[in-house]
Amino acid sequence: MNAMPPDPAQALEAAARAARAATIALAGAPSAVKDQALLLAAAALREQEGAIIAANAEDIAAAPGLSPAFRDRLLLNTGRIEAMAKGLEEVAALPDPVGRVLAEWKRPNGLRLQRVAQPLGVIGMIFESRPNVTADAAALCLKSGNAVILRGGSESLRSATAIHACMVQGLRGAGLPETAVQVAPSADRAFVGAMLRAAGLIDLIVPRGGKGLVTRVLEEARVPVLAHAEGLCHTYIHAGADHAMARAVLANAKMRRTGVCGATETLLIDAAIAPLLLPALIADLRALGCDFRADEAARAIVPDLKPATDGDYATEWLDAILSVKLVSGVDEALAHIRRFGSEHTEAIITEDVRAAQQFLDGIASAVGLWNASTQFCDGSEFGFGAEIGIATGRLHARGPVGLEQLCTYRYKIFGTGQVRP
């Protein structure tokens, strides 16, 4: 944002009005032009790698005492910058979601109706710690014809600003308005409040961060919210599981990246196989640096595990800690998930088709997996190129939010002179 008023409310209004104006240009932009902007931005990310890493280093230095999980979410390196650039290219290669005919039918009176996808409008994105969200959200909004105002946390402001500069370079090179993608000029919390009150200026708020952020947004927003609750994900190892597969999948689901919302936080394992399999699972994860909170039945098998409380089962650890509970079958596993889960992502490991189907049909979560790691709950792994977040609510969108989920629809009606009787 350029030359924005110092008052957060005035700054937000100026940004939102500029974004609204940009949506007009985006609505008429051919897909090739939007794709060109994304490809140019991807090239800029690679060219500016050194500047982005330097800005990220300043962010990390300015926030001492970070937990390992938080530091991992904040960190940018060559591999992650390349992943951002590839993400932009993947989004550019996807079909344009705008203008798709979602349904078409004809009435007895000869009227022909179409339901057609169109952009939502102006999106406000509020996120914490993950600076790569700047590129992911910008790419998805741009391709889907939406303007976006991005407000990152104070801990990632320098990184987000450096990434934003690359997005602006892409927009400028493609002849699109730079105000299609804007970043809040500061981490002033009052700017968030202004976003949440901006009914009529912002069409959708997307929070992406911890429970505190999401709770504040849901409590204060006067704008529709696409909510992302906690990622309290479960992996259930059924009695019919292949043991080697169970060990490999659980290690990945928990320890690949412990700070992501798709990381498994609770292991449920059938009591029938626990005496044989649980010690091996614990040994695998301990070798990777994991700690545990376990129920009495699990501790009877592996005595040195720390005891678990109900509070532990309700905790999204985002760290190298795993809650463990023995269950007596699919029904008990589902009951535990219904009590403690956040309807994000759950996985079952089994060779039993009927058990797998019962589990997948029985969960209420946005994503269910059979014989795969919960960490596949990610927009890029779904083929979306990127994601603006994981929606865990019941309306509009669920799971990874990609291009199609950033569109609404309208109707086109074609007549031949019909009048209503």
Protein backbone atom coordinates (compact mmCIF):
# COMPACT_ATOMS: atom_id res chain seq x y z
CA MET A 1 0.00 0.00 0.00
CA ASN A 2 1.29 3.41 -0.86
CA ALA A 3 0.79 6.68 1.00
CA MET A 4 -1.87 5.24 3.25
CA PRO A 5 -3.40 7.37 6.02
CA PRO A 6 -1.81 6.75 9.43
CA ASP A 7 -5.13 6.03 11.14
CA PRO A 8 -5.81 2.27 10.83
CA ALA A 9 -9.49 2.71 10.01
CA GLN A 10 -8.71 5.29 7.34
CA ALA A 11 -5.89 3.13 6.01
CA LEU A 12 -8.18 0.12 5.74
CA GLU A 13 -10.92 2.11 4.00
CA ALA A 14 -8.44 3.49 1.47
CA ALA A 15 -7.04 0.02 0.84
CA ALA A 16 -10.48 -1.57 0.49
CA ARG A 17 -11.73 1.07 -1.94
CA ALA A 18 -8.60 0.64 -4.04
CA ALA A 19 -9.08 -3.13 -3.92
CA ARG A 20 -12.73 -2.77 -5.00
CA ALA A 21 -11.62 -0.70 -7.98
CA ALA A 22 -9.02 -3.35 -8.83
CA THR A 23 -11.72 -6.06 -8.95
CA ILE A 24 -13.23 -4.31 -11.97
CA ALA A 25 -9.98 -4.69 -13.90
CA LEU A 26 -9.56 -8.27 -12.69
CA ALA A 27 -13.11 -9.18 -13.77
CA GLY A 28 -12.30 -8.24 -17.33
CA ALA A 29 -8.75 -9.63 -17.38
CA PRO A 30 -8.21 -12.60 -19.70
CA SER A 31 -6.86 -15.71 -18.07
CA ALA A 32 -3.59 -15.31 -20.00
CA VAL A 33 -2.99 -11.91 -18.40
CA LYS A 34 -3.58 -13.21 -14.87
CA ASP A 35 -1.30 -16.14 -15.62
CA GLN A 36 1.38 -13.78 -16.91
CA ALA A 37 1.27 -11.84 -13.63
CA LEU A 38 1.75 -15.06 -11.67
CA LEU A 39 4.64 -16.25 -13.82
CA LEU A 40 6.38 -12.88 -13.57
CA ALA A 41 5.90 -12.92 -9.80
CA ALA A 42 7.38 -16.43 -9.62
CA ALA A 43 10.43 -15.21 -11.53
CA ALA A 44 10.71 -12.25 -9.17
CA LEU A 45 10.65 -14.53 -6.13
CA ARG A 46 13.62 -16.43 -7.51
CA GLU A 47 15.47 -13.25 -8.47
CA GLN A 48 14.87 -11.68 -5.05
CA GLU A 49 15.69 -14.79 -3.03
CA GLY A 50 18.58 -13.10 -1.25
CA ALA A 51 16.51 -10.07 -0.25
CA ILE A 52 13.66 -12.27 0.99
CA ILE A 53 15.97 -14.46 3.08
CA ALA A 54 17.63 -11.33 4.52
CA ALA A 55 14.24 -9.88 5.48
CA ASN A 56 13.25 -13.21 7.02
CA ALA A 57 16.47 -13.29 9.04
CA GLU A 58 15.58 -9.86 10.44
CA ASP A 59 12.14 -11.12 11.42
CA ILE A 60 13.63 -14.12 13.23
CA ALA A 61 16.28 -12.00 14.96
CA ALA A 62 13.60 -9.57 16.17
CA ALA A 63 11.66 -12.36 17.88
CA PRO A 64 14.01 -14.21 20.26
CA GLY A 65 12.81 -17.15 22.27
CA LEU A 66 10.69 -18.68 19.52
CA SER A 67 9.60 -22.27 20.02
CA PRO A 68 11.04 -24.71 17.47
CA ALA A 69 7.59 -25.17 15.90
CA PHE A 70 6.97 -21.42 15.62
CA ARG A 71 10.43 -20.84 14.20
CA ASP A 72 9.80 -23.55 11.62
CA ARG A 73 6.57 -21.83 10.52
CA LEU A 74 8.36 -18.49 10.22
CA LEU A 75 11.54 -19.67 8.51
CA LEU A 76 12.17 -19.08 4.80
CA ASN A 77 15.04 -20.69 2.94
CA THR A 78 15.96 -21.48 -0.65
CA GLY A 79 13.75 -24.56 -0.76
CA ARG A 80 10.71 -22.78 0.61
CA ILE A 81 11.11 -19.81 -1.69
CA GLU A 82 11.38 -22.19 -4.65
CA ALA A 83 8.23 -23.93 -3.40
CA MET A 84 6.43 -20.58 -3.36
CA ALA A 85 7.56 -19.85 -6.91
CA LYS A 86 6.48 -23.28 -8.10
CA GLY A 87 3.16 -22.77 -6.35
CA LEU A 88 2.54 -19.62 -8.38
CA GLU A 89 3.39 -21.49 -11.56
CA GLU A 90 1.07 -24.34 -10.63
CA VAL A 91 -1.79 -21.92 -10.00
CA ALA A 92 -1.10 -20.26 -13.35
CA ALA A 93 -1.36 -23.66 -15.05
CA LEU A 94 -4.77 -24.42 -13.52
CA PRO A 95 -8.01 -23.73 -15.42
CA ASP A 96 -9.51 -20.30 -14.79
CA PRO A 97 -12.43 -20.81 -12.37
CA VAL A 98 -14.19 -17.58 -13.35
CA GLY A 99 -17.02 -17.90 -15.85
CA ARG A 100 -17.43 -21.67 -15.50
CA VAL A 101 -20.96 -22.84 -16.21
CA LEU A 102 -21.75 -24.81 -13.06
CA ALA A 103 -25.20 -25.91 -14.19
CA GLU A 104 -27.51 -25.31 -17.13
CA TRP A 105 -31.16 -26.20 -17.71
CA LYS A 106 -34.23 -25.19 -19.68
CA ARG A 107 -37.70 -24.39 -18.38
CA PRO A 108 -40.97 -25.44 -20.05
CA ASN A 109 -41.54 -21.84 -21.10
CA GLY A 110 -38.34 -21.89 -23.14
CA LEU A 111 -36.15 -19.89 -20.73
CA ARG A 112 -32.59 -21.21 -20.59
CA LEU A 113 -30.78 -20.76 -17.26
CA GLN A 114 -27.09 -20.96 -16.37
CA ARG A 115 -25.38 -20.89 -12.98
CA VAL A 116 -22.01 -19.23 -13.59
CA ALA A 117 -18.97 -18.93 -11.29
CA GLN A 118 -17.78 -15.45 -10.41
CA PRO A 119 -15.28 -13.94 -7.94
CA LEU A 120 -16.26 -13.17 -4.37
CA GLY A 121 -14.84 -9.63 -4.58
CA VAL A 122 -12.47 -8.22 -1.94
CA ILE A 123 -10.95 -10.72 0.47
CA GLY A 124 -9.30 -9.82 3.76
CA MET A 125 -6.66 -12.33 4.84
CA ILE A 126 -5.40 -12.24 8.43
CA PHE A 127 -2.56 -14.63 9.17
CA GLU A 128 0.20 -15.33 11.64
CA SER A 129 3.83 -16.38 11.34
CA ARG A 130 3.77 -18.09 7.92
CA PRO A 131 5.12 -15.53 5.42
CA ASN A 132 4.59 -17.92 2.47
CA VAL A 133 0.85 -17.30 2.92
CA THR A 134 1.50 -13.93 1.26
CA ALA A 135 2.31 -15.60 -2.06
CA ASP A 136 -0.21 -18.45 -1.76
CA ALA A 137 -3.16 -16.20 -0.95
CA ALA A 138 -2.18 -13.59 -3.52
CA ALA A 139 -1.90 -16.19 -6.27
CA LEU A 140 -5.24 -17.85 -5.55
CA CYS A 141 -7.08 -14.53 -5.21
CA LEU A 142 -5.57 -13.12 -8.38
CA LYS A 143 -6.35 -16.20 -10.49
CA SER A 144 -9.92 -16.32 -9.16
CA GLY A 145 -10.45 -12.63 -9.94
CA ASN A 146 -10.48 -11.42 -6.33
CA ALA A 147 -8.54 -8.54 -4.83
CA VAL A 148 -6.92 -9.27 -1.48
CA ILE A 149 -5.74 -7.28 1.54
CA LEU A 150 -3.17 -9.24 3.53
CA ARG A 151 -2.44 -8.56 7.17
CA GLY A 152 0.35 -10.72 8.53
CA GLY A 153 1.61 -10.90 12.08
CA SER A 154 4.29 -8.60 13.43
CA GLU A 155 6.74 -11.52 13.51
CA SER A 156 6.61 -11.93 9.70
CA LEU A 157 6.07 -8.34 8.52
CA ARG A 158 9.47 -7.88 6.85
CA SER A 159 9.26 -11.25 5.09
CA ALA A 160 5.70 -10.63 3.90
CA THR A 161 6.65 -7.19 2.61
CA ALA A 162 9.54 -8.62 0.59
CA ILE A 163 7.30 -11.32 -0.92
CA HIS A 164 4.59 -8.75 -1.65
CA ALA A 165 7.09 -6.69 -3.64
CA CYS A 166 7.52 -9.67 -5.97
CA MET A 167 3.75 -10.00 -6.40
CA VAL A 168 3.51 -6.31 -7.25
CA GLN A 169 6.29 -6.76 -9.82
CA GLY A 170 4.22 -9.46 -11.48
CA LEU A 171 1.04 -7.37 -11.50
CA ARG A 172 2.87 -4.38 -12.91
CA GLY A 173 4.49 -6.44 -15.64
CA ALA A 174 1.13 -7.86 -16.73
CA GLY A 175 -0.57 -4.47 -16.73
CA LEU A 176 -2.88 -5.26 -13.82
CA PRO A 177 -3.54 -2.84 -10.93
CA GLU A 178 -0.99 -3.14 -8.14
CA THR A 179 -3.78 -2.65 -5.62
CA ALA A 180 -5.15 -6.08 -6.51
CA VAL A 181 -2.75 -7.41 -3.84
CA GLN A 182 -2.06 -5.21 -0.83
CA VAL A 183 -0.25 -5.76 2.46
CA ALA A 184 -1.06 -3.90 5.66
CA PRO A 185 1.63 -1.29 6.30
CA SER A 186 2.12 -2.26 9.94
CA ALA A 187 1.21 -4.92 12.47
CA ASP A 188 -1.09 -2.54 14.34
CA ARG A 189 -3.87 -4.65 15.89
CA ALA A 190 -6.28 -1.79 15.21
CA PHE A 191 -5.94 -2.53 11.50
CA VAL A 192 -7.33 -6.03 12.15
CA GLY A 193 -10.24 -4.49 14.01
CA ALA A 194 -10.92 -2.19 11.06
CA MET A 195 -10.89 -5.17 8.70
CA LEU A 196 -13.38 -7.05 10.86
CA ARG A 197 -15.76 -4.06 10.87
CA ALA A 198 -15.45 -3.38 7.14
CA ALA A 199 -18.89 -4.60 6.04
CA GLY A 200 -19.55 -3.33 2.53
CA LEU A 201 -15.83 -2.86 1.87
CA ILE A 202 -14.53 -6.41 2.39
CA ASP A 203 -16.61 -9.36 1.19
CA LEU A 204 -14.92 -12.21 3.09
CA ILE A 205 -12.45 -12.50 5.97
CA VAL A 206 -10.13 -15.51 6.07
CA PRO A 207 -8.21 -15.95 9.35
CA ARG A 208 -5.25 -18.30 9.33
CA GLY A 209 -3.46 -18.73 12.62
CA GLY A 210 -3.83 -19.88 16.19
CA LYS A 211 -6.96 -20.36 18.26
CA GLY A 212 -6.71 -16.88 19.74
CA LEU A 213 -6.75 -15.20 16.33
CA VAL A 214 -9.64 -17.27 15.00
CA THR A 215 -11.66 -16.73 18.18
CA ARG A 216 -11.18 -12.96 17.97
CA VAL A 217 -12.20 -12.89 14.32
CA LEU A 218 -15.34 -14.96 14.92
CA GLU A 219 -16.35 -12.83 17.91
CA GLU A 220 -15.74 -9.41 16.36
CA ALA A 221 -16.34 -9.79 12.63
CA ARG A 222 -19.14 -7.91 10.90
CA VAL A 223 -17.96 -9.45 7.63
CA PRO A 224 -18.58 -13.09 6.59
CA VAL A 225 -15.77 -15.36 7.82
CA LEU A 226 -14.30 -18.50 6.27
CA ALA A 227 -13.11 -20.05 9.51
CA HIS A 228 -10.18 -22.34 10.15
CA ALA A 229 -10.45 -23.94 13.58
CA GLU A 230 -7.71 -25.89 15.32
CA GLY A 231 -6.03 -28.76 13.52
CA LEU A 232 -6.59 -31.38 16.19
CA CYS A 233 -6.03 -34.31 13.84
CA HIS A 234 -6.16 -38.02 14.66
CA THR A 235 -4.55 -41.12 13.18
CA TYR A 236 -6.42 -44.31 14.05
CA ILE A 237 -4.52 -47.58 13.63
CA HIS A 238 -7.13 -50.28 13.24
CA ALA A 239 -6.62 -53.93 14.16
CA GLY A 240 -6.45 -54.73 10.46
CA ALA A 241 -3.53 -52.39 9.75
CA ASP A 242 -0.35 -53.40 7.99
CA HIS A 243 2.21 -52.80 10.73
CA ALA A 244 5.01 -51.54 8.53
CA MET A 245 2.64 -49.12 6.83
CA ALA A 246 1.29 -47.93 10.17
CA ARG A 247 4.78 -47.16 11.45
CA ALA A 248 5.78 -45.24 8.32
CA VAL A 249 2.55 -43.27 8.03
CA LEU A 250 2.38 -42.29 11.70
CA ALA A 251 6.00 -41.11 11.75
CA ASN A 252 5.26 -38.85 8.77
CA ALA A 253 1.87 -37.71 10.06
CA LYS A 254 3.35 -36.58 13.38
CA MET A 255 6.96 -35.63 12.72
CA ARG A 256 7.33 -34.45 9.10
CA ARG A 257 6.46 -30.94 10.28
CA THR A 258 5.01 -30.74 13.76
CA GLY A 259 3.86 -27.12 13.45
CA VAL A 260 1.44 -27.53 10.54
CA CYS A 261 -2.31 -27.83 11.10
CA GLY A 262 -2.43 -31.22 9.37
CA ALA A 263 0.01 -32.83 11.80
CA THR A 264 -1.44 -35.72 13.79
CA GLU A 265 -1.89 -34.76 17.44
CA THR A 266 -3.51 -37.95 18.77
CA LEU A 267 -2.84 -41.61 18.03
CA LEU A 268 -5.76 -43.98 18.50
CA ILE A 269 -4.77 -47.65 18.31
CA ASP A 270 -6.86 -50.78 18.65
CA ALA A 271 -6.18 -52.60 21.92
CA ALA A 272 -5.99 -55.93 20.08
CA ILE A 273 -2.75 -55.01 18.31
CA ALA A 274 -1.31 -52.52 20.78
CA PRO A 275 0.85 -54.98 22.78
CA LEU A 276 2.76 -55.89 19.63
CA LEU A 277 2.71 -52.63 17.65
CA LEU A 278 2.66 -49.78 20.18
CA PRO A 279 6.23 -50.29 21.50
CA ALA A 280 7.56 -50.09 17.94
CA LEU A 281 5.53 -46.94 17.20
CA ILE A 282 6.79 -45.27 20.37
CA ALA A 283 10.39 -46.25 19.60
CA ASP A 284 10.11 -44.88 16.04
CA LEU A 285 8.78 -41.54 17.20
CA ARG A 286 11.15 -41.24 20.15
CA ALA A 287 14.04 -41.64 17.74
CA LEU A 288 12.66 -38.59 15.93
CA GLY A 289 12.46 -36.56 19.15
CA CYS A 290 8.79 -37.04 20.06
CA ASP A 291 7.33 -37.00 23.59
CA PHE A 292 4.02 -38.59 24.64
CA ARG A 293 0.90 -38.29 26.80
CA ALA A 294 -0.84 -41.67 27.11
CA ASP A 295 -3.82 -43.31 28.77
CA GLU A 296 -3.51 -46.01 31.42
CA ALA A 297 -3.91 -48.88 28.94
CA ALA A 298 -1.07 -47.59 26.77
CA ARG A 299 1.13 -47.04 29.83
CA ALA A 300 0.54 -50.64 30.86
CA ILE A 301 2.32 -51.61 27.62
CA VAL A 302 4.98 -48.86 27.61
CA PRO A 303 5.29 -47.92 31.31
CA ASP A 304 7.50 -44.83 30.98
CA LEU A 305 4.95 -42.82 28.99
CA LYS A 306 3.61 -39.70 30.72
CA PRO A 307 -0.04 -39.95 31.76
CA ALA A 308 -2.62 -38.15 29.62
CA THR A 309 -5.51 -35.97 30.78
CA ASP A 310 -8.66 -34.93 28.94
CA GLY A 311 -6.95 -31.59 28.47
CA ASP A 312 -4.12 -33.30 26.58
CA TYR A 313 -6.57 -34.96 24.20
CA ALA A 314 -8.12 -31.53 23.57
CA THR A 315 -4.73 -29.92 22.80
CA GLU A 316 -3.38 -29.06 19.36
CA TRP A 317 0.27 -29.52 20.30
CA LEU A 318 1.92 -28.05 17.18
CA ASP A 319 5.04 -29.58 18.66
CA ALA A 320 6.80 -32.94 19.00
CA ILE A 321 4.23 -34.28 21.46
CA LEU A 322 1.69 -37.01 20.71
CA SER A 323 -1.36 -37.99 22.73
CA VAL A 324 -2.01 -41.75 22.75
CA LYS A 325 -5.16 -43.73 23.54
CA LEU A 326 -6.16 -47.37 23.13
CA VAL A 327 -9.64 -48.06 21.71
CA SER A 328 -11.69 -51.18 21.10
CA GLY A 329 -12.73 -50.62 17.51
CA VAL A 330 -14.03 -48.10 15.00
CA ASP A 331 -17.01 -47.00 17.10
CA GLU A 332 -14.85 -46.08 20.08
CA ALA A 333 -12.35 -44.30 17.83
CA LEU A 334 -15.16 -42.25 16.29
CA ALA A 335 -16.58 -41.44 19.72
CA HIS A 336 -13.20 -40.10 20.86
CA ILE A 337 -12.82 -37.99 17.71
CA ARG A 338 -16.33 -36.56 18.09
CA ARG A 339 -15.55 -35.59 21.69
CA PHE A 340 -12.10 -34.07 21.24
CA GLY A 341 -11.59 -33.35 17.53
CA SER A 342 -11.84 -30.07 15.63
CA GLU A 343 -13.35 -31.51 12.41
CA HIS A 344 -10.14 -30.86 10.49
CA THR A 345 -8.45 -34.10 9.31
CA GLU A 346 -8.56 -37.73 10.44
CA ALA A 347 -6.87 -40.86 9.07
CA ILE A 348 -7.42 -44.60 9.44
CA ILE A 349 -4.72 -47.18 8.77
CA THR A 350 -6.21 -50.58 7.91
CA GLU A 351 -6.45 -53.28 5.26
CA ASP A 352 -10.09 -53.85 6.25
CA VAL A 353 -12.27 -52.19 3.62
CA ARG A 354 -15.43 -52.23 5.72
CA ALA A 355 -13.68 -50.67 8.72
CA ALA A 356 -12.18 -47.98 6.52
CA GLN A 357 -15.55 -47.13 4.99
CA GLN A 358 -17.22 -47.05 8.40
CA PHE A 359 -14.56 -44.65 9.65
CA LEU A 360 -14.63 -42.35 6.61
CA ASP A 361 -18.44 -42.24 6.67
CA GLY A 362 -18.55 -41.75 10.44
CA ILE A 363 -16.30 -38.72 10.85
CA ALA A 364 -17.67 -35.20 10.50
CA SER A 365 -14.27 -33.74 9.64
CA ALA A 366 -13.48 -31.81 6.47
CA VAL A 367 -10.91 -34.39 5.33
CA GLY A 368 -10.66 -38.13 5.93
CA LEU A 369 -7.80 -40.34 4.72
CA TRP A 370 -7.38 -44.08 4.39
CA ASN A 371 -3.82 -45.43 4.61
CA ALA A 372 -2.18 -42.02 4.18
CA SER A 373 -0.62 -39.31 6.33
CA THR A 374 -2.80 -36.52 7.71
CA GLN A 375 -0.16 -34.10 6.42
CA PHE A 376 -1.62 -34.56 2.93
CA CYS A 377 -4.32 -32.10 3.99
CA ASP A 378 -2.73 -29.33 1.97
CA GLY A 379 -3.90 -27.41 -1.08
CA SER A 380 -0.85 -28.24 -3.16
CA GLU A 381 -1.27 -31.95 -2.41
CA PHE A 382 -4.90 -31.69 -3.55
CA GLY A 383 -3.75 -30.27 -6.87
CA PHE A 384 -4.92 -26.75 -6.01
CA GLY A 385 -1.46 -25.23 -6.52
CA ALA A 386 -1.74 -23.59 -3.09
CA GLU A 387 -4.35 -22.90 -0.46
CA ILE A 388 -5.65 -19.83 1.30
CA GLY A 389 -6.41 -21.95 4.35
CA ILE A 390 -8.22 -25.05 5.60
CA ALA A 391 -11.92 -24.43 6.16
CA THR A 392 -13.44 -26.44 9.01
CA GLY A 393 -16.87 -24.80 9.10
CA ARG A 394 -19.99 -26.23 7.50
CA LEU A 395 -20.85 -23.48 5.00
CA HIS A 396 -19.47 -22.53 1.57
CA ALA A 397 -16.20 -24.47 1.64
CA ARG A 398 -14.53 -27.27 3.60
CA GLY A 399 -10.95 -28.53 3.62
CA PRO A 400 -8.20 -26.81 1.60
CA VAL A 401 -9.54 -23.62 0.02
CA GLY A 402 -8.37 -23.21 -3.56
CA LEU A 403 -9.56 -21.43 -6.68
CA GLU A 404 -13.05 -22.91 -6.93
CA GLN A 405 -13.77 -22.17 -3.28
CA LEU A 406 -12.89 -18.49 -3.82
CA CYS A 407 -15.76 -18.13 -6.27
CA THR A 408 -19.45 -17.63 -5.73
CA TYR A 409 -21.99 -17.77 -8.55
CA ARG A 410 -24.71 -15.84 -10.31
CA TYR A 411 -27.39 -16.72 -12.82
CA LYS A 412 -27.70 -15.91 -16.50
CA ILE A 413 -31.14 -16.32 -18.07
CA PHE A 414 -31.68 -16.36 -21.82
CA GLY A 415 -35.15 -15.75 -23.24
CA THR A 416 -36.94 -15.22 -26.51
CA GLY A 417 -39.43 -12.61 -25.35
CA GLN A 418 -41.12 -14.53 -22.51
CA VAL A 419 -43.37 -12.62 -20.07
CA ARG A 420 -44.62 -13.97 -16.80
CA PRO A 421 -48.33 -14.80 -16.64
